[in-house]
Amino acid sequence: MKKQRNSQGQPLTTTEQRTFNDQEKDSVAYFYLRLSNIYGREYRSQLPNEELIRNSKREHGQYICKYSREYIDKGCTWIHTQKQNSEDGWQFLDIDRCIGAIKQAGTVKAAHKQFQPALEDLTEKARRKDVGKNEAAKLKALFD
């Protein structure tokens, strides 16, 4: 039976650990540094020794490594704000939820867009009003 391959010609599954380049390693390390600064005591209670931290980085690193420091910083700043405001659930460290926040950090939602009133052309508005009056008069004439 022939092994299935991805678009780069590599097997879809492998038993080898993934190796990260320097930028990816930096992103993962920066993410965990920011989490340790934001969550402090809870971070140390959930990840009390280097082995648990290494295993956590190995588990979540593939999802974190694709983001730059600036992107991670934006997401972690938002997480910190949510924690300070005692928003629901952000008082407790949940690495998957934090990764989701970083993923959403760069998106602008409709509620967050700046309001810009539409500029109306007053001459166009007056013209439409006149046309409407004329059409209403024509309809009235049909029924009289």
Protein backbone atom coordinates (compact mmCIF):
# COMPACT_ATOMS: atom_id res chain seq x y z
CA MET A 1 0.00 0.00 0.00
CA LYS A 2 1.39 3.38 -1.01
CA LYS A 3 1.60 6.16 1.64
CA GLN A 4 -0.48 9.26 1.01
CA ARG A 5 1.49 12.46 0.56
CA ASN A 6 0.76 16.17 1.04
CA SER A 7 1.27 18.91 -1.55
CA GLN A 8 5.04 19.04 -0.83
CA GLY A 9 5.39 15.29 -1.41
CA GLN A 10 5.92 14.48 2.28
CA PRO A 11 3.98 11.70 4.03
CA LEU A 12 0.82 12.90 5.81
CA THR A 13 1.75 11.17 9.06
CA THR A 14 5.13 10.72 10.62
CA THR A 15 6.48 9.44 13.92
CA GLU A 16 9.24 12.06 14.01
CA GLN A 17 8.93 15.20 16.11
CA ARG A 18 8.51 18.42 14.20
CA THR A 19 11.54 20.67 14.19
CA PHE A 20 11.04 24.42 14.41
CA ASN A 21 13.20 27.11 12.86
CA ASP A 22 14.59 29.98 14.96
CA GLN A 23 11.67 32.34 14.28
CA GLU A 24 9.12 29.66 15.26
CA LYS A 25 11.04 28.83 18.44
CA ASP A 26 11.16 32.53 19.28
CA SER A 27 7.38 32.86 18.80
CA VAL A 28 6.65 29.90 21.08
CA ALA A 29 9.08 31.13 23.75
CA TYR A 30 7.63 34.66 23.59
CA PHE A 31 4.07 33.34 23.93
CA TYR A 32 4.96 31.39 27.07
CA LEU A 33 6.90 34.36 28.47
CA ARG A 34 3.85 36.60 28.02
CA LEU A 35 1.58 33.99 29.62
CA SER A 36 3.89 33.69 32.61
CA ASN A 37 3.83 37.48 33.01
CA ILE A 38 0.04 37.73 32.68
CA TYR A 39 -0.95 34.75 34.81
CA GLY A 40 2.02 34.59 37.23
CA ARG A 41 1.04 32.34 40.12
CA GLU A 42 -1.48 30.30 38.13
CA TYR A 43 1.09 29.73 35.36
CA ARG A 44 3.57 28.42 37.94
CA SER A 45 0.94 26.17 39.54
CA GLN A 46 -0.15 24.63 36.22
CA LEU A 47 3.37 24.38 34.81
CA PRO A 48 5.57 24.01 37.92
CA ASN A 49 8.66 22.45 36.31
CA GLU A 50 10.63 22.58 33.08
CA GLU A 51 9.42 19.17 31.90
CA LEU A 52 5.77 20.25 31.97
CA ILE A 53 6.62 23.53 30.24
CA ARG A 54 8.56 21.65 27.54
CA ASN A 55 5.67 19.21 27.02
CA SER A 56 3.18 22.06 26.81
CA LYS A 57 5.35 23.87 24.27
CA ARG A 58 5.61 20.67 22.25
CA GLU A 59 1.83 20.19 22.37
CA HIS A 60 0.84 23.76 21.49
CA GLY A 61 3.91 24.92 19.56
CA GLN A 62 2.56 23.92 16.17
CA TYR A 63 -0.37 26.33 16.64
CA ILE A 64 1.69 29.21 18.07
CA CYS A 65 4.70 29.14 15.76
CA LYS A 66 2.91 30.70 12.79
CA TYR A 67 2.37 34.04 14.59
CA SER A 68 4.93 36.82 14.83
CA ARG A 69 5.92 38.53 18.08
CA GLU A 70 3.83 41.57 17.17
CA TYR A 71 0.75 39.42 16.59
CA ILE A 72 1.30 37.52 19.86
CA ASP A 73 1.86 40.81 21.67
CA LYS A 74 -1.43 42.21 20.37
CA GLY A 75 -3.35 39.11 21.49
CA CYS A 76 -1.66 38.92 24.89
CA THR A 77 -2.32 42.60 25.52
CA TRP A 78 -6.01 41.93 24.85
CA ILE A 79 -5.93 38.89 27.18
CA HIS A 80 -4.31 41.01 29.89
CA THR A 81 -7.05 43.63 29.53
CA GLN A 82 -9.75 40.96 29.78
CA LYS A 83 -8.11 39.54 32.90
CA GLN A 84 -7.86 42.98 34.51
CA ASN A 85 -11.53 43.65 33.77
CA SER A 86 -12.49 40.28 35.32
CA GLU A 87 -14.15 39.13 32.12
CA ASP A 88 -15.70 35.68 32.30
CA GLY A 89 -13.11 32.91 32.17
CA TRP A 90 -9.99 35.02 31.62
CA GLN A 91 -8.96 34.85 35.29
CA PHE A 92 -7.84 31.26 34.72
CA LEU A 93 -5.04 30.10 32.44
CA ASP A 94 -6.33 28.17 29.43
CA ILE A 95 -3.63 27.92 26.80
CA ASP A 96 -6.00 26.87 24.01
CA ARG A 97 -8.26 29.85 24.72
CA CYS A 98 -5.22 32.16 24.69
CA ILE A 99 -4.14 30.77 21.31
CA GLY A 100 -7.65 31.43 20.03
CA ALA A 101 -7.43 35.03 21.27
CA ILE A 102 -4.15 35.52 19.42
CA LYS A 103 -5.69 34.02 16.30
CA GLN A 104 -8.52 36.57 16.50
CA ALA A 105 -6.24 39.48 17.45
CA GLY A 106 -5.76 40.72 13.91
CA THR A 107 -9.38 40.61 12.83
CA VAL A 108 -11.58 43.68 13.00
CA LYS A 109 -15.14 42.83 13.80
CA ALA A 110 -18.07 44.94 12.62
CA ALA A 111 -18.72 46.19 16.15
CA HIS A 112 -15.18 47.53 16.39
CA LYS A 113 -15.12 49.44 13.12
CA GLN A 114 -15.10 53.20 13.26
CA PHE A 115 -18.44 54.82 12.45
CA GLN A 116 -18.32 57.04 9.41
CA PRO A 117 -21.52 58.84 8.48
CA ALA A 118 -22.44 58.70 4.83
CA LEU A 119 -22.13 62.01 3.06
CA GLU A 120 -25.27 62.79 1.08
CA ASP A 121 -25.32 64.94 -1.97
CA LEU A 122 -27.99 67.51 -1.15
CA THR A 123 -28.70 68.29 -4.80
CA GLU A 124 -29.28 64.58 -5.46
CA LYS A 125 -31.59 64.39 -2.44
CA ALA A 126 -33.63 67.39 -3.70
CA ARG A 127 -33.81 65.91 -7.20
CA ARG A 128 -35.11 62.59 -5.82
CA LYS A 129 -37.72 64.47 -3.77
CA ASP A 130 -38.95 66.35 -6.87
CA VAL A 131 -39.11 63.14 -8.91
CA GLY A 132 -41.09 61.48 -6.11
CA LYS A 133 -43.58 64.37 -5.97
CA ASN A 134 -44.05 64.26 -9.75
CA GLU A 135 -44.63 60.50 -9.74
CA ALA A 136 -47.12 60.81 -6.84
CA ALA A 137 -49.00 63.53 -8.76
CA LYS A 138 -49.19 61.27 -11.83
CA LEU A 139 -50.64 58.43 -9.73
CA LYS A 140 -53.20 60.79 -8.17
CA ALA A 141 -54.24 61.98 -11.63
CA LEU A 142 -54.90 58.36 -12.69
CA PHE A 143 -57.42 57.82 -9.86
CA ASP A 144 -59.21 61.22 -10.09
